Amino acid sequence: MSKIIAVEHLTLDGVMQSPGRADEDTRDSFRHGGWAHRHDDPVQAEVMGAHMAAHHTR
């Protein structure tokens, strides 16, 4: 059986909405889109990419 690994971008106050782009999701007048990119970590991205590539199955 395969594992499912999920990475969630969540602020300390519980916001999960629109981490990618400022205009990604403006429901209910949400004005803080794109918040996750300010906190990108290139080392974490490299490690996660290597892990996903090593464990990729079809």
N, C-alpha and C. Protein backbone atom coordinates (compact mmCIF):
# COMPACT_ATOMS: atom_id res chain seq x y z
N MET A 1 0.85 -1.18 0.00
CA MET A 1 0.00 0.00 0.00
C MET A 1 0.89 1.24 0.00
N SER A 2 0.52 2.23 -0.77
CA SER A 2 1.27 3.47 -0.86
C SER A 2 0.93 4.42 0.27
N LYS A 3 1.87 5.29 0.58
CA LYS A 3 1.64 6.35 1.56
C LYS A 3 1.21 7.60 0.83
N ILE A 4 0.43 8.40 1.49
CA ILE A 4 0.11 9.74 1.00
C ILE A 4 0.78 10.71 1.95
N ILE A 5 1.62 11.58 1.40
CA ILE A 5 2.30 12.60 2.20
C ILE A 5 1.79 13.95 1.74
N ALA A 6 1.29 14.73 2.66
CA ALA A 6 0.74 16.04 2.33
C ALA A 6 1.56 17.13 3.03
N VAL A 7 1.79 18.21 2.31
CA VAL A 7 2.45 19.38 2.88
C VAL A 7 1.42 20.49 2.87
N GLU A 8 1.10 21.00 4.02
CA GLU A 8 0.11 22.06 4.14
C GLU A 8 0.79 23.36 4.56
N HIS A 9 0.42 24.42 3.91
CA HIS A 9 0.89 25.75 4.27
C HIS A 9 -0.19 26.37 5.15
N LEU A 10 0.12 26.54 6.41
CA LEU A 10 -0.86 27.00 7.38
C LEU A 10 -0.23 28.06 8.27
N THR A 11 -0.89 29.21 8.42
CA THR A 11 -0.37 30.23 9.32
C THR A 11 -0.70 29.85 10.76
N LEU A 12 -0.04 30.51 11.70
CA LEU A 12 -0.28 30.22 13.12
C LEU A 12 -1.72 30.52 13.54
N ASP A 13 -2.38 31.43 12.80
CA ASP A 13 -3.77 31.73 13.14
C ASP A 13 -4.76 30.91 12.30
N GLY A 14 -4.26 29.88 11.60
CA GLY A 14 -5.13 28.94 10.92
C GLY A 14 -5.52 29.27 9.49
N VAL A 15 -4.85 30.22 8.85
CA VAL A 15 -5.18 30.57 7.47
C VAL A 15 -4.53 29.57 6.52
N MET A 16 -5.36 28.95 5.67
CA MET A 16 -4.86 28.06 4.62
C MET A 16 -5.19 28.62 3.25
N GLN A 17 -5.92 29.70 3.21
CA GLN A 17 -6.44 30.24 1.96
C GLN A 17 -5.37 30.95 1.15
N SER A 18 -5.30 30.63 -0.12
CA SER A 18 -4.54 31.39 -1.11
C SER A 18 -3.06 31.57 -0.80
N PRO A 19 -2.30 30.48 -0.62
CA PRO A 19 -0.88 30.66 -0.32
C PRO A 19 -0.04 31.04 -1.54
N GLY A 20 -0.53 30.77 -2.75
CA GLY A 20 0.30 30.90 -3.95
C GLY A 20 0.41 32.28 -4.56
N ARG A 21 -0.72 32.91 -4.87
CA ARG A 21 -0.71 34.19 -5.58
C ARG A 21 -1.68 35.16 -4.92
N ALA A 22 -1.44 36.42 -5.11
CA ALA A 22 -2.30 37.44 -4.52
C ALA A 22 -3.74 37.34 -5.02
N ASP A 23 -3.92 36.92 -6.27
CA ASP A 23 -5.27 36.84 -6.84
C ASP A 23 -5.81 35.41 -6.90
N GLU A 24 -5.17 34.50 -6.20
CA GLU A 24 -5.54 33.09 -6.27
C GLU A 24 -6.96 32.83 -5.76
N ASP A 25 -7.33 33.44 -4.68
CA ASP A 25 -8.65 33.19 -4.09
C ASP A 25 -9.07 34.43 -3.32
N THR A 26 -9.97 35.19 -3.88
CA THR A 26 -10.39 36.44 -3.25
C THR A 26 -11.79 36.34 -2.63
N ARG A 27 -12.23 35.09 -2.37
CA ARG A 27 -13.55 34.94 -1.75
C ARG A 27 -13.62 35.69 -0.43
N ASP A 28 -14.79 36.19 -0.12
CA ASP A 28 -15.05 36.90 1.13
C ASP A 28 -14.07 38.04 1.36
N SER A 29 -13.65 38.71 0.29
CA SER A 29 -12.76 39.87 0.34
C SER A 29 -11.39 39.55 0.94
N PHE A 30 -10.91 38.31 0.76
CA PHE A 30 -9.59 37.93 1.28
C PHE A 30 -8.52 38.71 0.52
N ARG A 31 -7.71 39.50 1.23
CA ARG A 31 -6.73 40.40 0.61
C ARG A 31 -5.28 39.97 0.85
N HIS A 32 -5.04 38.81 1.42
CA HIS A 32 -3.68 38.45 1.82
C HIS A 32 -3.12 37.28 1.01
N GLY A 33 -3.60 37.10 -0.20
CA GLY A 33 -3.13 36.00 -1.04
C GLY A 33 -1.65 36.11 -1.34
N GLY A 34 -1.03 34.98 -1.57
CA GLY A 34 0.40 34.94 -1.87
C GLY A 34 1.29 34.98 -0.64
N TRP A 35 0.72 34.78 0.52
CA TRP A 35 1.48 34.91 1.77
C TRP A 35 2.58 33.86 1.90
N ALA A 36 2.44 32.69 1.31
CA ALA A 36 3.42 31.61 1.51
C ALA A 36 4.74 31.88 0.78
N HIS A 37 4.71 32.57 -0.34
CA HIS A 37 5.94 32.79 -1.10
C HIS A 37 6.96 33.62 -0.35
N ARG A 38 6.53 34.45 0.54
CA ARG A 38 7.47 35.26 1.33
C ARG A 38 8.31 34.38 2.25
N HIS A 39 7.86 33.16 2.49
CA HIS A 39 8.54 32.29 3.44
C HIS A 39 9.11 31.03 2.77
N ASP A 40 9.28 31.07 1.45
CA ASP A 40 9.85 29.92 0.74
C ASP A 40 11.26 29.63 1.26
N ASP A 41 11.58 28.37 1.35
CA ASP A 41 12.90 27.93 1.80
C ASP A 41 13.50 27.07 0.69
N PRO A 42 14.51 27.56 -0.03
CA PRO A 42 15.05 26.82 -1.16
C PRO A 42 15.66 25.47 -0.75
N VAL A 43 16.21 25.38 0.44
CA VAL A 43 16.78 24.11 0.89
C VAL A 43 15.66 23.09 1.11
N GLN A 44 14.58 23.53 1.75
CA GLN A 44 13.44 22.63 1.96
C GLN A 44 12.88 22.16 0.63
N ALA A 45 12.75 23.06 -0.33
CA ALA A 45 12.21 22.70 -1.64
C ALA A 45 13.11 21.67 -2.33
N GLU A 46 14.42 21.83 -2.21
CA GLU A 46 15.35 20.88 -2.82
C GLU A 46 15.24 19.50 -2.17
N VAL A 47 15.17 19.47 -0.85
CA VAL A 47 15.07 18.19 -0.13
C VAL A 47 13.74 17.50 -0.47
N MET A 48 12.66 18.25 -0.47
CA MET A 48 11.36 17.66 -0.79
C MET A 48 11.33 17.16 -2.23
N GLY A 49 11.90 17.92 -3.15
CA GLY A 49 11.94 17.49 -4.55
C GLY A 49 12.73 16.21 -4.73
N ALA A 50 13.86 16.12 -4.05
CA ALA A 50 14.69 14.90 -4.14
C ALA A 50 13.94 13.70 -3.55
N HIS A 51 13.24 13.92 -2.45
CA HIS A 51 12.48 12.84 -1.82
C HIS A 51 11.35 12.37 -2.75
N MET A 52 10.63 13.32 -3.34
CA MET A 52 9.54 12.94 -4.23
C MET A 52 10.07 12.20 -5.46
N ALA A 53 11.20 12.64 -6.00
CA ALA A 53 11.76 11.99 -7.18
C ALA A 53 12.24 10.58 -6.84
N ALA A 54 12.80 10.40 -5.67
CA ALA A 54 13.31 9.09 -5.27
C ALA A 54 12.18 8.09 -4.99
N HIS A 55 11.01 8.60 -4.63
CA HIS A 55 9.91 7.72 -4.26
C HIS A 55 8.76 7.76 -5.28
N HIS A 56 9.02 8.28 -6.45
CA HIS A 56 7.99 8.38 -7.48
C HIS A 56 7.65 7.00 -8.02
N THR A 57 6.39 6.70 -8.08
CA THR A 57 5.94 5.43 -8.69
C THR A 57 4.86 5.74 -9.70
N ARG A 58 4.71 4.88 -10.65
CA ARG A 58 3.66 5.07 -11.67
C ARG A 58 2.56 4.10 -11.48
